[in-house]
Amino acid sequence: MSLTNRDRKFLDADEKASRSPSSETKAFEQPAPTFVNDEGLPVDEDKELTLHRGLKARQISMIALGGAVGTGLIIGSGTALRRGGPLGLLLGYSFVGFVCFMVMTSLGEMAAYLPHRK
């Protein structure tokens, strides 16, 4: 069986692709990146690139304030309905609902990007 010149080129390319990496390619390997904080000091990658479980007092008070504001919005819906009509109320709730959806989507993306490790 005689190989044509074209077949030899394909066989040579397959042989080059199947070779194991040699010492030549190791010269081009990049060192592992080191992470630094704002002061330029090295930090532990596991601690810096994960989410932390824990709430501070400020965050808990903001959650409580948000609950109070949310209750006020439900109670104040009657006044908004009287002044703006049903279309105004629907538009207002739609806009605020869209903003809440975008915030929750952003939080979901952040949690997926920086997962919590146990």
C-alpha atoms as a PDB file:
ATOM      1  CA  MET A   1       0.000   0.000   0.000  1.00  0.00           C
ATOM      2  CA  SER A   2       1.462   3.281  -1.087  1.00  0.00           C
ATOM      3  CA  LEU A   3       0.820   6.490   0.842  1.00  0.00           C
ATOM      4  CA  THR A   4       0.372   9.722  -1.027  1.00  0.00           C
ATOM      5  CA  ASN A   5       2.129  12.881   0.027  1.00  0.00           C
ATOM      6  CA  ARG A   6      -1.141  14.233   1.471  1.00  0.00           C
ATOM      7  CA  ASP A   7      -1.673  11.105   3.625  1.00  0.00           C
ATOM      8  CA  ARG A   8       1.869  11.375   5.005  1.00  0.00           C
ATOM      9  CA  LYS A   9       1.186  14.957   6.149  1.00  0.00           C
ATOM     10  CA  PHE A  10      -1.914  13.828   8.048  1.00  0.00           C
ATOM     11  CA  LEU A  11      -0.028  10.950   9.674  1.00  0.00           C
ATOM     12  CA  ASP A  12       2.792  13.285  10.718  1.00  0.00           C
ATOM     13  CA  ALA A  13       0.286  15.705  12.246  1.00  0.00           C
ATOM     14  CA  ASP A  14      -1.398  12.873  14.181  1.00  0.00           C
ATOM     15  CA  GLU A  15       1.943  11.666  15.537  1.00  0.00           C
ATOM     16  CA  LYS A  16       2.886  15.158  16.702  1.00  0.00           C
ATOM     17  CA  ALA A  17      -0.460  15.597  18.436  1.00  0.00           C
ATOM     18  CA  SER A  18      -0.217  12.261  20.249  1.00  0.00           C
ATOM     19  CA  ARG A  19       3.263  12.794  21.691  1.00  0.00           C
ATOM     20  CA  SER A  20       3.557  13.349  25.410  1.00  0.00           C
ATOM     21  CA  PRO A  21       4.673  16.783  26.589  1.00  0.00           C
ATOM     22  CA  SER A  22       8.398  17.192  26.628  1.00  0.00           C
ATOM     23  CA  SER A  23      10.668  19.335  28.724  1.00  0.00           C
ATOM     24  CA  GLU A  24      10.394  22.091  26.113  1.00  0.00           C
ATOM     25  CA  THR A  25       6.780  22.835  26.992  1.00  0.00           C
ATOM     26  CA  LYS A  26       7.533  22.995  30.716  1.00  0.00           C
ATOM     27  CA  ALA A  27       9.627  26.101  30.114  1.00  0.00           C
ATOM     28  CA  PHE A  28       6.463  27.948  29.059  1.00  0.00           C
ATOM     29  CA  GLU A  29       4.372  27.030  32.103  1.00  0.00           C
ATOM     30  CA  GLN A  30       3.205  29.996  34.127  1.00  0.00           C
ATOM     31  CA  PRO A  31       3.694  30.036  37.896  1.00  0.00           C
ATOM     32  CA  ALA A  32       0.581  29.750  40.043  1.00  0.00           C
ATOM     33  CA  PRO A  33      -0.949  33.195  40.622  1.00  0.00           C
ATOM     34  CA  THR A  34      -0.579  34.685  44.065  1.00  0.00           C
ATOM     35  CA  PHE A  35      -3.384  36.754  45.509  1.00  0.00           C
ATOM     36  CA  VAL A  36      -2.657  40.008  47.321  1.00  0.00           C
ATOM     37  CA  ASN A  37      -4.840  42.260  49.443  1.00  0.00           C
ATOM     38  CA  ASP A  38      -5.136  46.057  49.237  1.00  0.00           C
ATOM     39  CA  GLU A  39      -1.810  46.525  51.032  1.00  0.00           C
ATOM     40  CA  GLY A  40      -0.011  44.210  48.602  1.00  0.00           C
ATOM     41  CA  LEU A  41       0.467  41.409  51.142  1.00  0.00           C
ATOM     42  CA  PRO A  42      -0.143  37.800  50.043  1.00  0.00           C
ATOM     43  CA  VAL A  43      -3.402  36.244  51.245  1.00  0.00           C
ATOM     44  CA  ASP A  44      -4.731  32.706  51.476  1.00  0.00           C
ATOM     45  CA  GLU A  45      -6.739  31.923  48.340  1.00  0.00           C
ATOM     46  CA  ASP A  46      -9.263  29.726  50.160  1.00  0.00           C
ATOM     47  CA  LYS A  47     -10.135  32.398  52.700  1.00  0.00           C
ATOM     48  CA  GLU A  48     -10.221  35.300  50.249  1.00  0.00           C
ATOM     49  CA  LEU A  49     -12.268  33.802  47.407  1.00  0.00           C
ATOM     50  CA  THR A  50     -15.190  32.321  49.343  1.00  0.00           C
ATOM     51  CA  LEU A  51     -18.310  33.649  50.984  1.00  0.00           C
ATOM     52  CA  HIS A  52     -18.426  33.807  54.759  1.00  0.00           C
ATOM     53  CA  ARG A  53     -21.370  32.802  56.911  1.00  0.00           C
ATOM     54  CA  GLY A  54     -22.155  35.353  59.535  1.00  0.00           C
ATOM     55  CA  LEU A  55     -24.165  38.513  59.970  1.00  0.00           C
ATOM     56  CA  LYS A  56     -23.078  41.646  61.745  1.00  0.00           C
ATOM     57  CA  ALA A  57     -25.418  43.768  63.857  1.00  0.00           C
ATOM     58  CA  ARG A  58     -25.671  46.359  61.081  1.00  0.00           C
ATOM     59  CA  GLN A  59     -26.849  43.729  58.589  1.00  0.00           C
ATOM     60  CA  ILE A  60     -29.452  42.333  60.987  1.00  0.00           C
ATOM     61  CA  SER A  61     -30.829  45.813  61.650  1.00  0.00           C
ATOM     62  CA  MET A  62     -31.102  46.454  57.885  1.00  0.00           C
ATOM     63  CA  ILE A  63     -33.077  43.208  57.474  1.00  0.00           C
ATOM     64  CA  ALA A  64     -35.442  44.314  60.256  1.00  0.00           C
ATOM     65  CA  LEU A  65     -35.805  47.762  58.690  1.00  0.00           C
ATOM     66  CA  GLY A  66     -36.589  46.153  55.327  1.00  0.00           C
ATOM     67  CA  GLY A  67     -39.310  44.063  56.943  1.00  0.00           C
ATOM     68  CA  ALA A  68     -40.871  47.162  58.488  1.00  0.00           C
ATOM     69  CA  VAL A  69     -40.749  49.053  55.195  1.00  0.00           C
ATOM     70  CA  GLY A  70     -42.289  46.082  53.383  1.00  0.00           C
ATOM     71  CA  THR A  71     -45.177  45.991  55.850  1.00  0.00           C
ATOM     72  CA  GLY A  72     -45.683  49.721  55.373  1.00  0.00           C
ATOM     73  CA  LEU A  73     -45.882  49.244  51.610  1.00  0.00           C
ATOM     74  CA  ILE A  74     -48.650  46.666  51.975  1.00  0.00           C
ATOM     75  CA  ILE A  75     -50.625  48.888  54.363  1.00  0.00           C
ATOM     76  CA  GLY A  76     -50.078  51.971  52.183  1.00  0.00           C
ATOM     77  CA  SER A  77     -51.333  50.255  49.021  1.00  0.00           C
ATOM     78  CA  GLY A  78     -54.848  51.579  49.620  1.00  0.00           C
ATOM     79  CA  THR A  79     -53.660  55.178  49.406  1.00  0.00           C
ATOM     80  CA  ALA A  80     -51.648  54.426  46.259  1.00  0.00           C
ATOM     81  CA  LEU A  81     -54.663  52.744  44.695  1.00  0.00           C
ATOM     82  CA  ARG A  82     -56.879  55.744  45.467  1.00  0.00           C
ATOM     83  CA  ARG A  83     -54.383  58.300  44.111  1.00  0.00           C
ATOM     84  CA  GLY A  84     -52.893  56.482  41.112  1.00  0.00           C
ATOM     85  CA  GLY A  85     -55.595  54.052  40.155  1.00  0.00           C
ATOM     86  CA  PRO A  86     -55.118  50.395  39.339  1.00  0.00           C
ATOM     87  CA  LEU A  87     -52.732  51.025  36.432  1.00  0.00           C
ATOM     88  CA  GLY A  88     -50.416  53.189  38.543  1.00  0.00           C
ATOM     89  CA  LEU A  89     -50.397  50.582  41.287  1.00  0.00           C
ATOM     90  CA  LEU A  90     -49.661  47.810  38.787  1.00  0.00           C
ATOM     91  CA  LEU A  91     -46.833  49.802  37.181  1.00  0.00           C
ATOM     92  CA  GLY A  92     -45.306  50.673  40.550  1.00  0.00           C
ATOM     93  CA  TYR A  93     -45.374  47.106  41.835  1.00  0.00           C
ATOM     94  CA  SER A  94     -44.049  45.831  38.492  1.00  0.00           C
ATOM     95  CA  PHE A  95     -41.092  48.222  38.611  1.00  0.00           C
ATOM     96  CA  VAL A  96     -40.209  47.417  42.217  1.00  0.00           C
ATOM     97  CA  GLY A  97     -40.653  43.697  41.537  1.00  0.00           C
ATOM     98  CA  PHE A  98     -38.273  43.944  38.577  1.00  0.00           C
ATOM     99  CA  VAL A  99     -35.652  45.704  40.711  1.00  0.00           C
ATOM    100  CA  CYS A 100     -35.994  43.011  43.407  1.00  0.00           C
ATOM    101  CA  PHE A 101     -35.660  40.303  40.752  1.00  0.00           C
ATOM    102  CA  MET A 102     -32.435  41.875  39.436  1.00  0.00           C
ATOM    103  CA  VAL A 103     -30.976  42.115  42.952  1.00  0.00           C
ATOM    104  CA  MET A 104     -31.808  38.480  43.708  1.00  0.00           C
ATOM    105  CA  THR A 105     -30.354  37.370  40.362  1.00  0.00           C
ATOM    106  CA  SER A 106     -27.151  39.245  41.179  1.00  0.00           C
ATOM    107  CA  LEU A 107     -26.961  37.581  44.590  1.00  0.00           C
ATOM    108  CA  GLY A 108     -27.470  34.182  42.978  1.00  0.00           C
ATOM    109  CA  GLU A 109     -24.678  34.855  40.489  1.00  0.00           C
ATOM    110  CA  MET A 110     -22.360  35.948  43.297  1.00  0.00           C
ATOM    111  CA  ALA A 111     -23.138  32.835  45.334  1.00  0.00           C
ATOM    112  CA  ALA A 112     -22.460  30.636  42.300  1.00  0.00           C
ATOM    113  CA  TYR A 113     -19.198  32.456  41.527  1.00  0.00           C
ATOM    114  CA  LEU A 114     -17.919  32.374  45.121  1.00  0.00           C
ATOM    115  CA  PRO A 115     -19.415  29.238  46.714  1.00  0.00           C
ATOM    116  CA  HIS A 116     -19.254  28.548  50.438  1.00  0.00           C
ATOM    117  CA  ARG A 117     -16.868  25.730  51.320  1.00  0.00           C
ATOM    118  CA  LYS A 118     -17.563  23.613  54.383  1.00  0.00           C
END
